[in-house]
């Protein structure tokens, strides 16, 4: 599903990842992180795909909202578990969205 975002400017956090073979706890934690992110002030939406390479893009009102999400205790624990068990590699990019446009039938 394509996230419904407000008119720019806003911010996007792009999380690209490669998984390990460890699956235990990943699905439940990933689902919980989506729920928890949606509860954070400044959260605007999320989009994600996984086909070998996983890409999750979350949208935020401000850099401050992103910093608060990054520092959330439960999120910090999931990040640690990701580094030790679930990901063989990942990259996070933070971007300012200055323009967007689309099409929908």
PDB file of N, CA and C in Angstrom:
ATOM      1  N   UNK A   1       0.843  -1.178   0.000  1.00  0.00           N
ATOM      2  CA  UNK A   1       0.000   0.000   0.000  1.00  0.00           C
ATOM      3  C   UNK A   1       0.894   1.249   0.000  1.00  0.00           C
ATOM      4  N   UNK A   2       0.502   2.232  -0.744  1.00  0.00           N
ATOM      5  CA  UNK A   2       1.241   3.489  -0.807  1.00  0.00           C
ATOM      6  C   UNK A   2       0.785   4.389   0.338  1.00  0.00           C
ATOM      7  N   UNK A   3       1.747   4.886   1.108  1.00  0.00           N
ATOM      8  CA  UNK A   3       1.439   5.736   2.253  1.00  0.00           C
ATOM      9  C   UNK A   3       0.809   7.045   1.796  1.00  0.00           C
ATOM     10  N   UNK A   4      -0.182   7.493   2.538  1.00  0.00           N
ATOM     11  CA  UNK A   4      -0.810   8.789   2.286  1.00  0.00           C
ATOM     12  C   UNK A   4      -0.029   9.835   3.075  1.00  0.00           C
ATOM     13  N   UNK A   5       0.733  10.643   2.386  1.00  0.00           N
ATOM     14  CA  UNK A   5       1.565  11.649   3.046  1.00  0.00           C
ATOM     15  C   UNK A   5       1.012  13.043   2.780  1.00  0.00           C
ATOM     16  N   UNK A   6       1.329  13.985   3.665  1.00  0.00           N
ATOM     17  CA  UNK A   6       0.860  15.355   3.475  1.00  0.00           C
ATOM     18  C   UNK A   6       1.681  16.050   2.385  1.00  0.00           C
ATOM     19  N   UNK A   7       1.308  17.260   2.022  1.00  0.00           N
ATOM     20  CA  UNK A   7       2.140  18.006   1.084  1.00  0.00           C
ATOM     21  C   UNK A   7       3.540  18.211   1.669  1.00  0.00           C
ATOM     22  N   UNK A   8       4.579  18.149   0.840  1.00  0.00           N
ATOM     23  CA  UNK A   8       5.943  18.376   1.317  1.00  0.00           C
ATOM     24  C   UNK A   8       6.097  19.797   1.849  1.00  0.00           C
ATOM     25  N   UNK A   9       7.116  20.013   2.662  1.00  0.00           N
ATOM     26  CA  UNK A   9       8.210  19.089   2.967  1.00  0.00           C
ATOM     27  C   UNK A   9       7.876  18.169   4.139  1.00  0.00           C
ATOM     28  N   UNK A  10       8.467  16.992   4.097  1.00  0.00           N
ATOM     29  CA  UNK A  10       8.464  16.026   5.185  1.00  0.00           C
ATOM     30  C   UNK A  10       9.697  15.169   4.981  1.00  0.00           C
ATOM     31  N   UNK A  11       9.904  14.172   5.815  1.00  0.00           N
ATOM     32  CA  UNK A  11      11.138  13.380   5.771  1.00  0.00           C
ATOM     33  C   UNK A  11      10.830  11.909   5.550  1.00  0.00           C
ATOM     34  N   UNK A  12      11.777  11.240   4.899  1.00  0.00           N
ATOM     35  CA  UNK A  12      11.688   9.807   4.658  1.00  0.00           C
ATOM     36  C   UNK A  12      12.922   9.131   5.255  1.00  0.00           C
ATOM     37  N   UNK A  13      12.701   8.042   5.967  1.00  0.00           N
ATOM     38  CA  UNK A  13      13.781   7.197   6.457  1.00  0.00           C
ATOM     39  C   UNK A  13      13.726   5.921   5.629  1.00  0.00           C
ATOM     40  N   UNK A  14      14.777   5.687   4.851  1.00  0.00           N
ATOM     41  CA  UNK A  14      14.846   4.520   3.973  1.00  0.00           C
ATOM     42  C   UNK A  14      15.761   3.494   4.630  1.00  0.00           C
ATOM     43  N   UNK A  15      15.196   2.344   4.954  1.00  0.00           N
ATOM     44  CA  UNK A  15      15.951   1.269   5.601  1.00  0.00           C
ATOM     45  C   UNK A  15      16.043   0.101   4.632  1.00  0.00           C
ATOM     46  N   UNK A  16      17.240  -0.130   4.091  1.00  0.00           N
ATOM     47  CA  UNK A  16      17.492  -1.242   3.174  1.00  0.00           C
ATOM     48  C   UNK A  16      18.244  -2.323   3.937  1.00  0.00           C
ATOM     49  N   UNK A  17      17.842  -3.581   3.753  1.00  0.00           N
ATOM     50  CA  UNK A  17      18.465  -4.637   4.560  1.00  0.00           C
ATOM     51  C   UNK A  17      18.564  -5.961   3.811  1.00  0.00           C
ATOM     52  N   UNK A  18      19.553  -6.732   4.232  1.00  0.00           N
ATOM     53  CA  UNK A  18      19.711  -8.120   3.810  1.00  0.00           C
ATOM     54  C   UNK A  18      19.593  -8.972   5.055  1.00  0.00           C
ATOM     55  N   UNK A  19      18.785 -10.007   4.993  1.00  0.00           N
ATOM     56  CA  UNK A  19      18.513 -10.865   6.136  1.00  0.00           C
ATOM     57  C   UNK A  19      19.527 -11.996   6.256  1.00  0.00           C
ATOM     58  N   UNK A  20      19.680 -12.480   7.486  1.00  0.00           N
ATOM     59  CA  UNK A  20      20.393 -13.725   7.734  1.00  0.00           C
ATOM     60  C   UNK A  20      19.365 -14.853   7.638  1.00  0.00           C
ATOM     61  N   UNK A  21      19.777 -16.063   7.969  1.00  0.00           N
ATOM     62  CA  UNK A  21      18.847 -17.193   7.993  1.00  0.00           C
ATOM     63  C   UNK A  21      18.076 -17.279   9.304  1.00  0.00           C
ATOM     64  N   UNK A  22      18.396 -16.442  10.273  1.00  0.00           N
ATOM     65  CA  UNK A  22      17.719 -16.468  11.579  1.00  0.00           C
ATOM     66  C   UNK A  22      16.342 -15.826  11.439  1.00  0.00           C
ATOM     67  N   UNK A  23      15.309 -16.605  11.732  1.00  0.00           N
ATOM     68  CA  UNK A  23      13.940 -16.107  11.604  1.00  0.00           C
ATOM     69  C   UNK A  23      13.253 -15.931  12.954  1.00  0.00           C
ATOM     70  N   UNK A  24      13.763 -16.604  13.982  1.00  0.00           N
ATOM     71  CA  UNK A  24      13.101 -16.606  15.284  1.00  0.00           C
ATOM     72  C   UNK A  24      12.894 -15.188  15.819  1.00  0.00           C
ATOM     73  N   UNK A  25      11.628 -14.838  16.024  1.00  0.00           N
ATOM     74  CA  UNK A  25      11.278 -13.556  16.606  1.00  0.00           C
ATOM     75  C   UNK A  25      11.219 -12.398  15.632  1.00  0.00           C
ATOM     76  N   UNK A  26      11.694 -12.596  14.400  1.00  0.00           N
ATOM     77  CA  UNK A  26      11.760 -11.484  13.446  1.00  0.00           C
ATOM     78  C   UNK A  26      10.375 -10.958  13.068  1.00  0.00           C
ATOM     79  N   UNK A  27       9.487 -11.844  12.661  1.00  0.00           N
ATOM     80  CA  UNK A  27       8.158 -11.433  12.196  1.00  0.00           C
ATOM     81  C   UNK A  27       7.376 -10.668  13.248  1.00  0.00           C
ATOM     82  N   UNK A  28       7.371 -11.205  14.473  1.00  0.00           N
ATOM     83  CA  UNK A  28       6.646 -10.539  15.562  1.00  0.00           C
ATOM     84  C   UNK A  28       7.253  -9.181  15.876  1.00  0.00           C
ATOM     85  N   UNK A  29       8.578  -9.113  15.873  1.00  0.00           N
ATOM     86  CA  UNK A  29       9.247  -7.846  16.177  1.00  0.00           C
ATOM     87  C   UNK A  29       9.002  -6.830  15.071  1.00  0.00           C
ATOM     88  N   UNK A  30       9.077  -7.258  13.830  1.00  0.00           N
ATOM     89  CA  UNK A  30       8.836  -6.350  12.703  1.00  0.00           C
ATOM     90  C   UNK A  30       7.417  -5.782  12.775  1.00  0.00           C
ATOM     91  N   UNK A  31       6.453  -6.634  13.064  1.00  0.00           N
ATOM     92  CA  UNK A  31       5.059  -6.190  13.202  1.00  0.00           C
ATOM     93  C   UNK A  31       4.919  -5.199  14.364  1.00  0.00           C
ATOM     94  N   UNK A  32       5.564  -5.513  15.480  1.00  0.00           N
ATOM     95  CA  UNK A  32       5.497  -4.619  16.637  1.00  0.00           C
ATOM     96  C   UNK A  32       6.131  -3.267  16.334  1.00  0.00           C
ATOM     97  N   UNK A  33       7.247  -3.257  15.583  1.00  0.00           N
ATOM     98  CA  UNK A  33       7.901  -1.989  15.250  1.00  0.00           C
ATOM     99  C   UNK A  33       6.992  -1.120  14.374  1.00  0.00           C
ATOM    100  N   UNK A  34       6.250  -1.737  13.461  1.00  0.00           N
ATOM    101  CA  UNK A  34       5.304  -0.978  12.642  1.00  0.00           C
ATOM    102  C   UNK A  34       4.211  -0.365  13.513  1.00  0.00           C
ATOM    103  N   UNK A  35       3.691  -1.147  14.459  1.00  0.00           N
ATOM    104  CA  UNK A  35       2.666  -0.640  15.376  1.00  0.00           C
ATOM    105  C   UNK A  35       3.217   0.485  16.247  1.00  0.00           C
ATOM    106  N   UNK A  36       4.408   0.274  16.791  1.00  0.00           N
ATOM    107  CA  UNK A  36       5.022   1.247  17.685  1.00  0.00           C
ATOM    108  C   UNK A  36       5.363   2.540  16.951  1.00  0.00           C
ATOM    109  N   UNK A  37       5.891   2.425  15.745  1.00  0.00           N
ATOM    110  CA  UNK A  37       6.215   3.625  14.957  1.00  0.00           C
ATOM    111  C   UNK A  37       4.959   4.459  14.732  1.00  0.00           C
ATOM    112  N   UNK A  38       3.857   3.790  14.413  1.00  0.00           N
ATOM    113  CA  UNK A  38       2.597   4.496  14.138  1.00  0.00           C
ATOM    114  C   UNK A  38       2.080   5.264  15.352  1.00  0.00           C
ATOM    115  N   UNK A  39       2.528   4.902  16.545  1.00  0.00           N
ATOM    116  CA  UNK A  39       2.116   5.589  17.770  1.00  0.00           C
ATOM    117  C   UNK A  39       2.973   6.810  18.079  1.00  0.00           C
ATOM    118  N   UNK A  40       4.066   6.988  17.344  1.00  0.00           N
ATOM    119  CA  UNK A  40       5.015   8.064  17.653  1.00  0.00           C
ATOM    120  C   UNK A  40       4.547   9.409  17.104  1.00  0.00           C
ATOM    121  N   UNK A  41       4.765  10.487  17.876  1.00  0.00           N
ATOM    122  CA  UNK A  41       4.456  11.814  17.357  1.00  0.00           C
ATOM    123  C   UNK A  41       5.269  12.098  16.091  1.00  0.00           C
ATOM    124  N   UNK A  42       4.606  12.646  15.091  1.00  0.00           N
ATOM    125  CA  UNK A  42       5.293  13.000  13.855  1.00  0.00           C
ATOM    126  C   UNK A  42       5.334  11.909  12.809  1.00  0.00           C
ATOM    127  N   UNK A  43       4.836  10.720  13.128  1.00  0.00           N
ATOM    128  CA  UNK A  43       4.800   9.608  12.167  1.00  0.00           C
ATOM    129  C   UNK A  43       3.741   9.897  11.103  1.00  0.00           C
ATOM    130  N   UNK A  44       4.080   9.651   9.833  1.00  0.00           N
ATOM    131  CA  UNK A  44       3.146   9.912   8.736  1.00  0.00           C
ATOM    132  C   UNK A  44       2.714   8.665   7.979  1.00  0.00           C
ATOM    133  N   UNK A  45       3.536   7.612   7.977  1.00  0.00           N
ATOM    134  CA  UNK A  45       3.181   6.407   7.242  1.00  0.00           C
ATOM    135  C   UNK A  45       4.399   5.563   6.935  1.00  0.00           C
ATOM    136  N   UNK A  46       4.158   4.411   6.303  1.00  0.00           N
ATOM    137  CA  UNK A  46       5.237   3.480   5.980  1.00  0.00           C
ATOM    138  C   UNK A  46       4.897   2.707   4.715  1.00  0.00           C
ATOM    139  N   UNK A  47       5.935   2.328   3.986  1.00  0.00           N
ATOM    140  CA  UNK A  47       5.830   1.438   2.836  1.00  0.00           C
ATOM    141  C   UNK A  47       6.985   0.449   2.931  1.00  0.00           C
ATOM    142  N   UNK A  48       6.769  -0.769   2.471  1.00  0.00           N
ATOM    143  CA  UNK A  48       7.861  -1.723   2.531  1.00  0.00           C
ATOM    144  C   UNK A  48       7.694  -2.872   1.559  1.00  0.00           C
ATOM    145  N   UNK A  49       8.835  -3.427   1.164  1.00  0.00           N
ATOM    146  CA  UNK A  49       8.870  -4.605   0.294  1.00  0.00           C
ATOM    147  C   UNK A  49      10.025  -5.492   0.730  1.00  0.00           C
ATOM    148  N   UNK A  50       9.868  -6.789   0.486  1.00  0.00           N
ATOM    149  CA  UNK A  50      10.959  -7.718   0.747  1.00  0.00           C
ATOM    150  C   UNK A  50      10.945  -8.762  -0.354  1.00  0.00           C
ATOM    151  N   UNK A  51      11.971  -8.721  -1.147  1.00  0.00           N
ATOM    152  CA  UNK A  51      12.157  -9.701  -2.217  1.00  0.00           C
ATOM    153  C   UNK A  51      13.660  -9.915  -2.309  1.00  0.00           C
ATOM    154  N   UNK A  52      14.214 -10.600  -1.315  1.00  0.00           N
ATOM    155  CA  UNK A  52      15.670 -10.702  -1.202  1.00  0.00           C
ATOM    156  C   UNK A  52      16.189  -9.490  -0.451  1.00  0.00           C
ATOM    157  N   UNK A  53      16.212  -8.352  -1.135  1.00  0.00           N
ATOM    158  CA  UNK A  53      16.567  -7.086  -0.489  1.00  0.00           C
ATOM    159  C   UNK A  53      15.310  -6.501   0.119  1.00  0.00           C
ATOM    160  N   UNK A  54      15.353  -6.167   1.409  1.00  0.00           N
ATOM    161  CA  UNK A  54      14.212  -5.542   2.061  1.00  0.00           C
ATOM    162  C   UNK A  54      14.373  -4.035   2.063  1.00  0.00           C
ATOM    163  N   UNK A  55      13.296  -3.336   1.751  1.00  0.00           N
ATOM    164  CA  UNK A  55      13.314  -1.875   1.796  1.00  0.00           C
ATOM    165  C   UNK A  55      12.063  -1.418   2.531  1.00  0.00           C
ATOM    166  N   UNK A  56      12.273  -0.674   3.600  1.00  0.00           N
ATOM    167  CA  UNK A  56      11.176  -0.078   4.350  1.00  0.00           C
ATOM    168  C   UNK A  56      11.399   1.420   4.374  1.00  0.00           C
ATOM    169  N   UNK A  57      10.378   2.172   3.992  1.00  0.00           N
ATOM    170  CA  UNK A  57      10.458   3.620   4.003  1.00  0.00           C
ATOM    171  C   UNK A  57       9.399   4.132   4.967  1.00  0.00           C
ATOM    172  N   UNK A  58       9.843   4.834   5.995  1.00  0.00           N
ATOM    173  CA  UNK A  58       8.891   5.461   6.910  1.00  0.00           C
ATOM    174  C   UNK A  58       8.950   6.965   6.702  1.00  0.00           C
ATOM    175  N   UNK A  59       7.803   7.609   6.890  1.00  0.00           N
ATOM    176  CA  UNK A  59       7.677   9.044   6.638  1.00  0.00           C
ATOM    177  C   UNK A  59       7.390   9.769   7.938  1.00  0.00           C
ATOM    178  N   UNK A  60       8.024  10.942   8.091  1.00  0.00           N
ATOM    179  CA  UNK A  60       7.987  11.676   9.353  1.00  0.00           C
ATOM    180  C   UNK A  60       7.841  13.173   9.101  1.00  0.00           C
ATOM    181  N   UNK A  61       7.223  13.856  10.043  1.00  0.00           N
ATOM    182  CA  UNK A  61       7.029  15.304   9.938  1.00  0.00           C
ATOM    183  C   UNK A  61       8.331  16.090  10.061  1.00  0.00           C
ATOM    184  N   UNK A  62       9.284  15.575  10.865  1.00  0.00           N
ATOM    185  CA  UNK A  62      10.474  16.372  11.174  1.00  0.00           C
ATOM    186  C   UNK A  62      11.657  15.475  11.519  1.00  0.00           C
ATOM    187  N   UNK A  63      12.840  16.079  11.503  1.00  0.00           N
ATOM    188  CA  UNK A  63      14.042  15.361  11.955  1.00  0.00           C
ATOM    189  C   UNK A  63      13.951  15.053  13.435  1.00  0.00           C
ATOM    190  N   UNK A  64      13.323  15.922  14.194  1.00  0.00           N
ATOM    191  CA  UNK A  64      13.146  15.680  15.634  1.00  0.00           C
ATOM    192  C   UNK A  64      12.289  14.431  15.875  1.00  0.00           C
ATOM    193  N   UNK A  65      11.225  14.266  15.109  1.00  0.00           N
ATOM    194  CA  UNK A  65      10.384  13.071  15.242  1.00  0.00           C
ATOM    195  C   UNK A  65      11.193  11.811  14.932  1.00  0.00           C
ATOM    196  N   UNK A  66      12.057  11.883  13.921  1.00  0.00           N
ATOM    197  CA  UNK A  66      12.912  10.739  13.572  1.00  0.00           C
ATOM    198  C   UNK A  66      13.874  10.437  14.715  1.00  0.00           C
ATOM    199  N   UNK A  67      14.481  11.476  15.296  1.00  0.00           N
ATOM    200  CA  UNK A  67      15.409  11.276  16.425  1.00  0.00           C
ATOM    201  C   UNK A  67      14.703  10.609  17.602  1.00  0.00           C
ATOM    202  N   UNK A  68      13.480  11.039  17.901  1.00  0.00           N
ATOM    203  CA  UNK A  68      12.734  10.412  19.003  1.00  0.00           C
ATOM    204  C   UNK A  68      12.452   8.938  18.715  1.00  0.00           C
ATOM    205  N   UNK A  69      12.081   8.623  17.489  1.00  0.00           N
ATOM    206  CA  UNK A  69      11.836   7.233  17.113  1.00  0.00           C
ATOM    207  C   UNK A  69      13.119   6.410  17.246  1.00  0.00           C
ATOM    208  N   UNK A  70      14.226   6.948  16.778  1.00  0.00           N
ATOM    209  CA  UNK A  70      15.514   6.251  16.854  1.00  0.00           C
ATOM    210  C   UNK A  70      15.878   5.929  18.306  1.00  0.00           C
ATOM    211  N   UNK A  71      15.478   6.797  19.241  1.00  0.00           N
ATOM    212  CA  UNK A  71      15.846   6.644  20.649  1.00  0.00           C
ATOM    213  C   UNK A  71      14.813   5.879  21.478  1.00  0.00           C
ATOM    214  N   UNK A  72      13.710   5.460  20.877  1.00  0.00           N
ATOM    215  CA  UNK A  72      12.692   4.703  21.594  1.00  0.00           C
ATOM    216  C   UNK A  72      13.311   3.413  22.136  1.00  0.00           C
ATOM    217  N   UNK A  73      13.101   3.140  23.408  1.00  0.00           N
ATOM    218  CA  UNK A  73      13.742   2.001  24.083  1.00  0.00           C
ATOM    219  C   UNK A  73      13.430   0.672  23.395  1.00  0.00           C
ATOM    220  N   UNK A  74      12.188   0.426  23.090  1.00  0.00           N
ATOM    221  CA  UNK A  74      11.810  -0.840  22.455  1.00  0.00           C
ATOM    222  C   UNK A  74      12.425  -0.939  21.052  1.00  0.00           C
ATOM    223  N   UNK A  75      12.484   0.183  20.350  1.00  0.00           N
ATOM    224  CA  UNK A  75      13.106   0.221  19.026  1.00  0.00           C
ATOM    225  C   UNK A  75      14.609  -0.026  19.132  1.00  0.00           C
ATOM    226  N   UNK A  76      15.253   0.540  20.147  1.00  0.00           N
ATOM    227  CA  UNK A  76      16.690   0.309  20.361  1.00  0.00           C
ATOM    228  C   UNK A  76      16.989  -1.176  20.565  1.00  0.00           C
ATOM    229  N   UNK A  77      16.135  -1.860  21.331  1.00  0.00           N
ATOM    230  CA  UNK A  77      16.324  -3.297  21.562  1.00  0.00           C
ATOM    231  C   UNK A  77      16.162  -4.087  20.254  1.00  0.00           C
ATOM    232  N   UNK A  78      15.189  -3.705  19.435  1.00  0.00           N
ATOM    233  CA  UNK A  78      14.989  -4.375  18.143  1.00  0.00           C
ATOM    234  C   UNK A  78      16.187  -4.119  17.222  1.00  0.00           C
ATOM    235  N   UNK A  79      16.725  -2.897  17.249  1.00  0.00           N
ATOM    236  CA  UNK A  79      17.903  -2.588  16.432  1.00  0.00           C
ATOM    237  C   UNK A  79      19.078  -3.481  16.828  1.00  0.00           C
ATOM    238  N   UNK A  80      19.275  -3.636  18.132  1.00  0.00           N
ATOM    239  CA  UNK A  80      20.373  -4.470  18.624  1.00  0.00           C
ATOM    240  C   UNK A  80      20.197  -5.921  18.160  1.00  0.00           C
ATOM    241  N   UNK A  81      18.978  -6.430  18.271  1.00  0.00           N
ATOM    242  CA  UNK A  81      18.690  -7.803  17.841  1.00  0.00           C
ATOM    243  C   UNK A  81      18.904  -7.943  16.329  1.00  0.00           C
ATOM    244  N   UNK A  82      18.562  -6.901  15.582  1.00  0.00           N
ATOM    245  CA  UNK A  82      18.784  -6.911  14.142  1.00  0.00           C
ATOM    246  C   UNK A  82      20.259  -7.045  13.802  1.00  0.00           C
ATOM    247  N   UNK A  83      21.106  -6.292  14.518  1.00  0.00           N
ATOM    248  CA  UNK A  83      22.551  -6.358  14.252  1.00  0.00           C
ATOM    249  C   UNK A  83      23.144  -7.703  14.654  1.00  0.00           C
ATOM    250  N   UNK A  84      22.668  -8.288  15.744  1.00  0.00           N
ATOM    251  CA  UNK A  84      23.261  -9.542  16.215  1.00  0.00           C
ATOM    252  C   UNK A  84      22.698 -10.776  15.514  1.00  0.00           C
ATOM    253  N   UNK A  85      21.411 -10.724  15.086  1.00  0.00           N
ATOM    254  CA  UNK A  85      20.757 -11.948  14.599  1.00  0.00           C
ATOM    255  C   UNK A  85      20.150 -11.859  13.195  1.00  0.00           C
ATOM    256  N   UNK A  86      19.388 -10.827  12.904  1.00  0.00           N
ATOM    257  CA  UNK A  86      18.496 -10.852  11.746  1.00  0.00           C
ATOM    258  C   UNK A  86      19.072 -10.291  10.455  1.00  0.00           C
ATOM    259  N   UNK A  87      20.050  -9.395  10.532  1.00  0.00           N
ATOM    260  CA  UNK A  87      20.566  -8.751   9.321  1.00  0.00           C
ATOM    261  C   UNK A  87      22.029  -9.086   9.087  1.00  0.00           C
ATOM    262  N   UNK A  88      22.349  -9.370   7.834  1.00  0.00           N
ATOM    263  CA  UNK A  88      23.757  -9.521   7.461  1.00  0.00           C
ATOM    264  C   UNK A  88      24.313  -8.167   7.030  1.00  0.00           C
ATOM    265  N   UNK A  89      23.422  -7.262   6.629  1.00  0.00           N
ATOM    266  CA  UNK A  89      23.820  -5.898   6.256  1.00  0.00           C
ATOM    267  C   UNK A  89      22.580  -5.020   6.239  1.00  0.00           C
ATOM    268  N   UNK A  90      22.764  -3.743   6.549  1.00  0.00           N
ATOM    269  CA  UNK A  90      21.680  -2.777   6.377  1.00  0.00           C
ATOM    270  C   UNK A  90      22.261  -1.391   6.177  1.00  0.00           C
ATOM    271  N   UNK A  91      21.434  -0.522   5.647  1.00  0.00           N
ATOM    272  CA  UNK A  91      21.804   0.872   5.423  1.00  0.00           C
ATOM    273  C   UNK A  91      20.564   1.711   5.691  1.00  0.00           C
ATOM    274  N   UNK A  92      20.738   2.792   6.446  1.00  0.00           N
ATOM    275  CA  UNK A  92      19.651   3.726   6.717  1.00  0.00           C
ATOM    276  C   UNK A  92      19.990   5.059   6.078  1.00  0.00           C
ATOM    277  N   UNK A  93      19.033   5.614   5.372  1.00  0.00           N
ATOM    278  CA  UNK A  93      19.200   6.922   4.729  1.00  0.00           C
ATOM    279  C   UNK A  93      18.040   7.812   5.159  1.00  0.00           C
ATOM    280  N   UNK A  94      18.344   9.053   5.487  1.00  0.00           N
ATOM    281  CA  UNK A  94      17.323  10.011   5.891  1.00  0.00           C
ATOM    282  C   UNK A  94      17.296  11.131   4.856  1.00  0.00           C
ATOM    283  N   UNK A  95      16.124  11.371   4.295  1.00  0.00           N
ATOM    284  CA  UNK A  95      15.982  12.309   3.184  1.00  0.00           C
ATOM    285  C   UNK A  95      14.861  13.300   3.459  1.00  0.00           C
ATOM    286  N   UNK A  96      15.040  14.496   2.975  1.00  0.00           N
ATOM    287  CA  UNK A  96      13.969  15.486   3.011  1.00  0.00           C
ATOM    288  C   UNK A  96      13.207  15.396   1.692  1.00  0.00           C
ATOM    289  N   UNK A  97      11.908  15.183   1.784  1.00  0.00           N
ATOM    290  CA  UNK A  97      11.060  15.138   0.592  1.00  0.00           C
ATOM    291  C   UNK A  97      10.614  16.572   0.315  1.00  0.00           C
ATOM    292  N   UNK A  98      11.050  17.081  -0.806  1.00  0.00           N
ATOM    293  CA  UNK A  98      10.722  18.457  -1.174  1.00  0.00           C
ATOM    294  C   UNK A  98       9.611  18.530  -2.208  1.00  0.00           C
ATOM    295  N   UNK A  99       9.380  17.424  -2.891  1.00  0.00           N
ATOM    296  CA  UNK A  99       8.355  17.381  -3.918  1.00  0.00           C
ATOM    297  C   UNK A  99       7.853  15.956  -4.028  1.00  0.00           C
ATOM    298  N   UNK A 100       6.553  15.800  -4.213  1.00  0.00           N
ATOM    299  CA  UNK A 100       6.005  14.483  -4.526  1.00  0.00           C
ATOM    300  C   UNK A 100       4.814  14.657  -5.464  1.00  0.00           C
ATOM    301  N   UNK A 101       4.531  13.616  -6.193  1.00  0.00           N
ATOM    302  CA  UNK A 101       3.371  13.618  -7.084  1.00  0.00           C
ATOM    303  C   UNK A 101       3.000  12.167  -7.346  1.00  0.00           C
ATOM    304  N   UNK A 102       1.812  11.927  -7.847  1.00  0.00           N
ATOM    305  CA  UNK A 102       1.396  10.559  -8.056  1.00  0.00           C
ATOM    306  C   UNK A 102       0.188  10.453  -8.952  1.00  0.00           C
ATOM    307  N   UNK A 103      -0.307   9.234  -9.028  1.00  0.00           N
ATOM    308  CA  UNK A 103      -1.460   8.893  -9.849  1.00  0.00           C
ATOM    309  C   UNK A 103      -2.203   7.789  -9.133  1.00  0.00           C
ATOM    310  N   UNK A 104      -3.519   7.853  -9.184  1.00  0.00           N
ATOM    311  CA  UNK A 104      -4.341   6.812  -8.571  1.00  0.00           C
ATOM    312  C   UNK A 104      -5.663   6.724  -9.312  1.00  0.00           C
ATOM    313  N   UNK A 105      -6.072   5.508  -9.685  1.00  0.00           N
ATOM    314  CA  UNK A 105      -7.384   5.299 -10.329  1.00  0.00           C
ATOM    315  C   UNK A 105      -8.421   5.057  -9.275  1.00  0.00           C
TER     316      UNK A 105
END
